[in-house]
């Protein structure tokens, strides 16, 4: 079995302890060239892959051997497989004026245009829209406002003709700030909607 681990920023545990054949894992870099990490574990030991193109092979008896590949050799060996992978997720963020679920900042209009262009490049996109607020107002009001912001982005996308396989929305209120602040402090970077396209 051969496993590709693309652009992850988390550490994953993969147990390789089946069929009597060599298993190979190659850690692919993210779009910006960085790599996450993968912790491999067998009955004979563990190995951490944490650099772009780090590779490991598990022999039939479970022994792990690490190595390093390069982009050209991975492309030559696995080009057809890599070409069949879905496009990498892309995220966009739009920002709001204080207290509003409708009024975007001037800079955010360009982000919506870029988002629509990205959606046109994907045959069957999946979209997750998550609204956020700053810490001004009550938690209950901010929960409702964040959900209204996410709903507004969803509606704008639908109105512009975007067809998605699925589009989920959620509101996180003030729980996941981009910038930590005290309660009742207005922070423009926290008044946002994040859109993840897969």
C-alpha atoms as a PDB file:
ATOM      1  CA  UNK A   1       0.000   0.000   0.000  1.00  0.00           C
ATOM      2  CA  UNK A   2       1.187   3.519  -0.749  1.00  0.00           C
ATOM      3  CA  UNK A   3      -0.216   6.493   1.131  1.00  0.00           C
ATOM      4  CA  UNK A   4       0.074  10.174   0.297  1.00  0.00           C
ATOM      5  CA  UNK A   5      -0.359  12.620   3.133  1.00  0.00           C
ATOM      6  CA  UNK A   6      -1.081  16.008   1.577  1.00  0.00           C
ATOM      7  CA  UNK A   7      -0.727  19.440   3.159  1.00  0.00           C
ATOM      8  CA  UNK A   8      -1.819  18.578   6.648  1.00  0.00           C
ATOM      9  CA  UNK A   9      -1.033  20.942   9.506  1.00  0.00           C
ATOM     10  CA  UNK A  10      -1.986  18.433  12.143  1.00  0.00           C
ATOM     11  CA  UNK A  11      -0.184  15.357  13.384  1.00  0.00           C
ATOM     12  CA  UNK A  12      -1.842  12.117  12.415  1.00  0.00           C
ATOM     13  CA  UNK A  13      -1.261   8.640  13.800  1.00  0.00           C
ATOM     14  CA  UNK A  14      -1.231   5.914  11.195  1.00  0.00           C
ATOM     15  CA  UNK A  15      -0.893   2.309  12.236  1.00  0.00           C
ATOM     16  CA  UNK A  16       0.766   0.116   9.616  1.00  0.00           C
ATOM     17  CA  UNK A  17       0.229  -3.438  10.734  1.00  0.00           C
ATOM     18  CA  UNK A  18      -1.533  -5.450   8.053  1.00  0.00           C
ATOM     19  CA  UNK A  19      -0.717  -7.513   4.946  1.00  0.00           C
ATOM     20  CA  UNK A  20       2.799  -8.878   4.545  1.00  0.00           C
ATOM     21  CA  UNK A  21       3.943  -6.284   2.018  1.00  0.00           C
ATOM     22  CA  UNK A  22       5.896  -3.073   2.157  1.00  0.00           C
ATOM     23  CA  UNK A  23       3.865   0.046   2.871  1.00  0.00           C
ATOM     24  CA  UNK A  24       5.132   3.482   1.810  1.00  0.00           C
ATOM     25  CA  UNK A  25       4.099   6.916   3.101  1.00  0.00           C
ATOM     26  CA  UNK A  26       5.166  10.221   1.508  1.00  0.00           C
ATOM     27  CA  UNK A  27       4.391  13.542   3.216  1.00  0.00           C
ATOM     28  CA  UNK A  28       3.486  16.122   0.571  1.00  0.00           C
ATOM     29  CA  UNK A  29       3.999  19.854   1.142  1.00  0.00           C
ATOM     30  CA  UNK A  30       1.181  22.354   1.400  1.00  0.00           C
ATOM     31  CA  UNK A  31       0.656  24.967  -1.308  1.00  0.00           C
ATOM     32  CA  UNK A  32       3.096  27.281   0.498  1.00  0.00           C
ATOM     33  CA  UNK A  33       5.789  24.579   0.652  1.00  0.00           C
ATOM     34  CA  UNK A  34       5.410  23.682   4.323  1.00  0.00           C
ATOM     35  CA  UNK A  35       4.508  20.281   5.692  1.00  0.00           C
ATOM     36  CA  UNK A  36       2.594  19.166   8.717  1.00  0.00           C
ATOM     37  CA  UNK A  37       3.599  15.987  10.461  1.00  0.00           C
ATOM     38  CA  UNK A  38       2.626  12.333  10.456  1.00  0.00           C
ATOM     39  CA  UNK A  39       3.478   9.950  13.272  1.00  0.00           C
ATOM     40  CA  UNK A  40       3.770   6.380  11.948  1.00  0.00           C
ATOM     41  CA  UNK A  41       3.494   3.486  14.348  1.00  0.00           C
ATOM     42  CA  UNK A  42       4.004  -0.257  13.953  1.00  0.00           C
ATOM     43  CA  UNK A  43       4.659  -3.094  16.368  1.00  0.00           C
ATOM     44  CA  UNK A  44       8.413  -2.573  15.695  1.00  0.00           C
ATOM     45  CA  UNK A  45       8.584   1.156  16.357  1.00  0.00           C
ATOM     46  CA  UNK A  46       7.547   4.690  15.521  1.00  0.00           C
ATOM     47  CA  UNK A  47       8.740   7.286  13.018  1.00  0.00           C
ATOM     48  CA  UNK A  48       7.830  10.954  12.673  1.00  0.00           C
ATOM     49  CA  UNK A  49       7.656  12.512   9.199  1.00  0.00           C
ATOM     50  CA  UNK A  50       7.771  16.302   9.525  1.00  0.00           C
ATOM     51  CA  UNK A  51       9.477  17.705   6.404  1.00  0.00           C
ATOM     52  CA  UNK A  52       8.145  18.098   2.863  1.00  0.00           C
ATOM     53  CA  UNK A  53       8.690  14.864   0.906  1.00  0.00           C
ATOM     54  CA  UNK A  54       9.760  12.933   3.990  1.00  0.00           C
ATOM     55  CA  UNK A  55       9.007   9.278   3.311  1.00  0.00           C
ATOM     56  CA  UNK A  56       8.850   6.038   5.213  1.00  0.00           C
ATOM     57  CA  UNK A  57       8.566   2.410   4.311  1.00  0.00           C
ATOM     58  CA  UNK A  58       7.252  -0.332   6.557  1.00  0.00           C
ATOM     59  CA  UNK A  59       8.549  -3.798   5.757  1.00  0.00           C
ATOM     60  CA  UNK A  60       6.443  -6.943   6.060  1.00  0.00           C
ATOM     61  CA  UNK A  61       7.692  -7.451   9.618  1.00  0.00           C
ATOM     62  CA  UNK A  62       6.779  -3.870  10.627  1.00  0.00           C
ATOM     63  CA  UNK A  63      10.228  -2.294  10.622  1.00  0.00           C
ATOM     64  CA  UNK A  64      10.092   1.409   9.630  1.00  0.00           C
ATOM     65  CA  UNK A  65      12.758   2.965   7.426  1.00  0.00           C
ATOM     66  CA  UNK A  66      12.816   6.717   6.802  1.00  0.00           C
ATOM     67  CA  UNK A  67      14.035   8.490   3.682  1.00  0.00           C
ATOM     68  CA  UNK A  68      13.576  11.711   1.750  1.00  0.00           C
ATOM     69  CA  UNK A  69      12.106  11.996  -1.726  1.00  0.00           C
ATOM     70  CA  UNK A  70      11.956  15.097  -3.927  1.00  0.00           C
ATOM     71  CA  UNK A  71       9.236  16.716  -5.973  1.00  0.00           C
ATOM     72  CA  UNK A  72      10.476  15.437  -9.300  1.00  0.00           C
ATOM     73  CA  UNK A  73      10.749  11.801  -8.195  1.00  0.00           C
ATOM     74  CA  UNK A  74       7.327  11.895  -6.507  1.00  0.00           C
ATOM     75  CA  UNK A  75       5.803  13.413  -9.648  1.00  0.00           C
ATOM     76  CA  UNK A  76       7.492  10.825 -11.870  1.00  0.00           C
ATOM     77  CA  UNK A  77       6.342   7.897  -9.744  1.00  0.00           C
ATOM     78  CA  UNK A  78       2.895   9.097  -8.648  1.00  0.00           C
ATOM     79  CA  UNK A  79       1.941  11.780 -11.191  1.00  0.00           C
ATOM     80  CA  UNK A  80      -1.260  10.083 -12.339  1.00  0.00           C
ATOM     81  CA  UNK A  81      -2.392   9.507  -8.759  1.00  0.00           C
ATOM     82  CA  UNK A  82      -1.602  13.073  -7.727  1.00  0.00           C
ATOM     83  CA  UNK A  83      -3.490  14.434 -10.732  1.00  0.00           C
ATOM     84  CA  UNK A  84      -6.567  12.507  -9.582  1.00  0.00           C
ATOM     85  CA  UNK A  85      -6.560  14.115  -6.122  1.00  0.00           C
ATOM     86  CA  UNK A  86      -9.212  16.770  -5.520  1.00  0.00           C
ATOM     87  CA  UNK A  87      -8.149  20.416  -5.495  1.00  0.00           C
ATOM     88  CA  UNK A  88      -6.761  21.593  -2.184  1.00  0.00           C
ATOM     89  CA  UNK A  89      -9.091  23.493   0.150  1.00  0.00           C
ATOM     90  CA  UNK A  90      -8.966  27.280  -0.124  1.00  0.00           C
ATOM     91  CA  UNK A  91     -10.199  29.780   2.462  1.00  0.00           C
ATOM     92  CA  UNK A  92     -11.453  33.339   2.169  1.00  0.00           C
ATOM     93  CA  UNK A  93     -12.351  35.870   4.857  1.00  0.00           C
ATOM     94  CA  UNK A  94     -14.704  38.833   4.619  1.00  0.00           C
ATOM     95  CA  UNK A  95     -15.042  41.502   7.316  1.00  0.00           C
ATOM     96  CA  UNK A  96     -18.072  43.438   8.568  1.00  0.00           C
ATOM     97  CA  UNK A  97     -18.832  46.873   9.921  1.00  0.00           C
ATOM     98  CA  UNK A  98     -19.662  46.906  13.617  1.00  0.00           C
ATOM     99  CA  UNK A  99     -23.057  45.442  14.531  1.00  0.00           C
ATOM    100  CA  UNK A 100     -24.025  44.655  10.935  1.00  0.00           C
ATOM    101  CA  UNK A 101     -24.913  41.365   9.277  1.00  0.00           C
ATOM    102  CA  UNK A 102     -25.082  43.037   5.846  1.00  0.00           C
ATOM    103  CA  UNK A 103     -22.460  45.796   5.567  1.00  0.00           C
ATOM    104  CA  UNK A 104     -19.067  44.448   4.507  1.00  0.00           C
ATOM    105  CA  UNK A 105     -15.893  46.496   4.680  1.00  0.00           C
ATOM    106  CA  UNK A 106     -14.806  47.970   1.335  1.00  0.00           C
ATOM    107  CA  UNK A 107     -11.877  45.543   1.075  1.00  0.00           C
ATOM    108  CA  UNK A 108     -14.145  42.518   1.485  1.00  0.00           C
ATOM    109  CA  UNK A 109     -16.004  42.994  -1.800  1.00  0.00           C
ATOM    110  CA  UNK A 110     -12.836  41.887  -3.632  1.00  0.00           C
ATOM    111  CA  UNK A 111     -12.692  38.741  -1.497  1.00  0.00           C
ATOM    112  CA  UNK A 112     -16.207  37.774  -2.543  1.00  0.00           C
ATOM    113  CA  UNK A 113     -15.217  38.226  -6.195  1.00  0.00           C
ATOM    114  CA  UNK A 114     -12.134  36.038  -5.684  1.00  0.00           C
ATOM    115  CA  UNK A 115     -14.317  33.448  -3.920  1.00  0.00           C
ATOM    116  CA  UNK A 116     -16.786  33.341  -6.822  1.00  0.00           C
ATOM    117  CA  UNK A 117     -13.910  32.920  -9.301  1.00  0.00           C
ATOM    118  CA  UNK A 118     -12.525  30.014  -7.252  1.00  0.00           C
ATOM    119  CA  UNK A 119     -15.939  28.351  -7.151  1.00  0.00           C
ATOM    120  CA  UNK A 120     -16.185  28.528 -10.933  1.00  0.00           C
ATOM    121  CA  UNK A 121     -12.913  26.548 -11.185  1.00  0.00           C
ATOM    122  CA  UNK A 122     -14.311  23.669  -9.134  1.00  0.00           C
ATOM    123  CA  UNK A 123     -16.827  21.319 -10.737  1.00  0.00           C
ATOM    124  CA  UNK A 124     -18.636  20.338  -7.516  1.00  0.00           C
ATOM    125  CA  UNK A 125     -17.434  22.507  -4.626  1.00  0.00           C
ATOM    126  CA  UNK A 126     -18.247  21.944  -0.993  1.00  0.00           C
ATOM    127  CA  UNK A 127     -18.475  25.172   1.004  1.00  0.00           C
ATOM    128  CA  UNK A 128     -18.367  25.823   4.750  1.00  0.00           C
ATOM    129  CA  UNK A 129     -19.305  29.359   5.861  1.00  0.00           C
ATOM    130  CA  UNK A 130     -18.553  30.302   9.496  1.00  0.00           C
ATOM    131  CA  UNK A 131     -19.565  33.649  11.004  1.00  0.00           C
ATOM    132  CA  UNK A 132     -17.835  35.412  13.906  1.00  0.00           C
ATOM    133  CA  UNK A 133     -18.267  38.593  15.970  1.00  0.00           C
ATOM    134  CA  UNK A 134     -16.201  40.777  18.248  1.00  0.00           C
ATOM    135  CA  UNK A 135     -16.981  40.845  21.984  1.00  0.00           C
ATOM    136  CA  UNK A 136     -19.274  43.878  21.955  1.00  0.00           C
ATOM    137  CA  UNK A 137     -22.789  42.873  23.054  1.00  0.00           C
ATOM    138  CA  UNK A 138     -24.214  39.828  24.747  1.00  0.00           C
ATOM    139  CA  UNK A 139     -23.142  36.317  23.859  1.00  0.00           C
ATOM    140  CA  UNK A 140     -26.694  35.460  22.757  1.00  0.00           C
ATOM    141  CA  UNK A 141     -26.856  38.491  20.442  1.00  0.00           C
ATOM    142  CA  UNK A 142     -23.406  37.711  19.034  1.00  0.00           C
ATOM    143  CA  UNK A 143     -24.402  34.103  18.349  1.00  0.00           C
ATOM    144  CA  UNK A 144     -27.372  35.346  16.334  1.00  0.00           C
ATOM    145  CA  UNK A 145     -25.307  38.023  14.551  1.00  0.00           C
ATOM    146  CA  UNK A 146     -22.559  35.572  13.563  1.00  0.00           C
ATOM    147  CA  UNK A 147     -25.124  33.152  12.131  1.00  0.00           C
ATOM    148  CA  UNK A 148     -26.834  36.004  10.254  1.00  0.00           C
ATOM    149  CA  UNK A 149     -23.472  37.018   8.756  1.00  0.00           C
ATOM    150  CA  UNK A 150     -22.815  33.465   7.575  1.00  0.00           C
ATOM    151  CA  UNK A 151     -26.344  33.287   6.176  1.00  0.00           C
ATOM    152  CA  UNK A 152     -25.832  36.548   4.269  1.00  0.00           C
ATOM    153  CA  UNK A 153     -22.686  35.194   2.580  1.00  0.00           C
ATOM    154  CA  UNK A 154     -24.487  31.965   1.736  1.00  0.00           C
ATOM    155  CA  UNK A 155     -27.371  33.901   0.190  1.00  0.00           C
ATOM    156  CA  UNK A 156     -25.031  36.155  -1.829  1.00  0.00           C
ATOM    157  CA  UNK A 157     -23.319  33.092  -3.247  1.00  0.00           C
ATOM    158  CA  UNK A 158     -26.635  31.461  -4.152  1.00  0.00           C
ATOM    159  CA  UNK A 159     -27.915  34.703  -5.681  1.00  0.00           C
ATOM    160  CA  UNK A 160     -24.805  34.938  -7.865  1.00  0.00           C
ATOM    161  CA  UNK A 161     -25.510  31.483  -9.315  1.00  0.00           C
ATOM    162  CA  UNK A 162     -23.047  29.421  -7.300  1.00  0.00           C
ATOM    163  CA  UNK A 163     -23.981  25.764  -7.340  1.00  0.00           C
ATOM    164  CA  UNK A 164     -22.389  23.739  -4.571  1.00  0.00           C
ATOM    165  CA  UNK A 165     -22.560  20.054  -3.753  1.00  0.00           C
ATOM    166  CA  UNK A 166     -23.070  21.201  -0.194  1.00  0.00           C
ATOM    167  CA  UNK A 167     -22.966  24.498   1.646  1.00  0.00           C
ATOM    168  CA  UNK A 168     -22.950  24.473   5.429  1.00  0.00           C
ATOM    169  CA  UNK A 169     -23.217  27.557   7.605  1.00  0.00           C
ATOM    170  CA  UNK A 170     -22.421  28.061  11.265  1.00  0.00           C
ATOM    171  CA  UNK A 171     -22.133  30.925  13.715  1.00  0.00           C
ATOM    172  CA  UNK A 172     -19.456  30.916  16.401  1.00  0.00           C
ATOM    173  CA  UNK A 173     -20.339  34.260  17.977  1.00  0.00           C
ATOM    174  CA  UNK A 174     -17.440  35.676  19.949  1.00  0.00           C
ATOM    175  CA  UNK A 175     -15.972  32.263  20.890  1.00  0.00           C
ATOM    176  CA  UNK A 176     -13.158  32.045  18.303  1.00  0.00           C
ATOM    177  CA  UNK A 177     -11.628  35.509  17.998  1.00  0.00           C
ATOM    178  CA  UNK A 178      -8.887  36.214  15.481  1.00  0.00           C
ATOM    179  CA  UNK A 179      -7.560  38.739  18.019  1.00  0.00           C
ATOM    180  CA  UNK A 180      -8.040  38.165  21.756  1.00  0.00           C
ATOM    181  CA  UNK A 181      -9.674  41.119  23.517  1.00  0.00           C
ATOM    182  CA  UNK A 182     -11.406  41.893  26.777  1.00  0.00           C
ATOM    183  CA  UNK A 183     -15.206  41.813  26.889  1.00  0.00           C
ATOM    184  CA  UNK A 184     -16.967  44.770  25.199  1.00  0.00           C
ATOM    185  CA  UNK A 185     -13.881  45.692  23.147  1.00  0.00           C
ATOM    186  CA  UNK A 186     -14.588  46.321  19.460  1.00  0.00           C
ATOM    187  CA  UNK A 187     -12.097  44.555  17.160  1.00  0.00           C
ATOM    188  CA  UNK A 188     -12.570  44.771  13.394  1.00  0.00           C
ATOM    189  CA  UNK A 189     -10.600  41.570  12.689  1.00  0.00           C
ATOM    190  CA  UNK A 190     -13.050  39.552  14.788  1.00  0.00           C
ATOM    191  CA  UNK A 191     -16.119  40.741  12.816  1.00  0.00           C
ATOM    192  CA  UNK A 192     -15.709  38.260   9.992  1.00  0.00           C
ATOM    193  CA  UNK A 193     -16.989  35.315   8.011  1.00  0.00           C
ATOM    194  CA  UNK A 194     -14.572  32.573   6.987  1.00  0.00           C
ATOM    195  CA  UNK A 195     -15.418  30.611   3.844  1.00  0.00           C
ATOM    196  CA  UNK A 196     -13.669  27.285   3.239  1.00  0.00           C
ATOM    197  CA  UNK A 197     -13.996  25.790  -0.224  1.00  0.00           C
ATOM    198  CA  UNK A 198     -13.204  22.117  -0.835  1.00  0.00           C
END
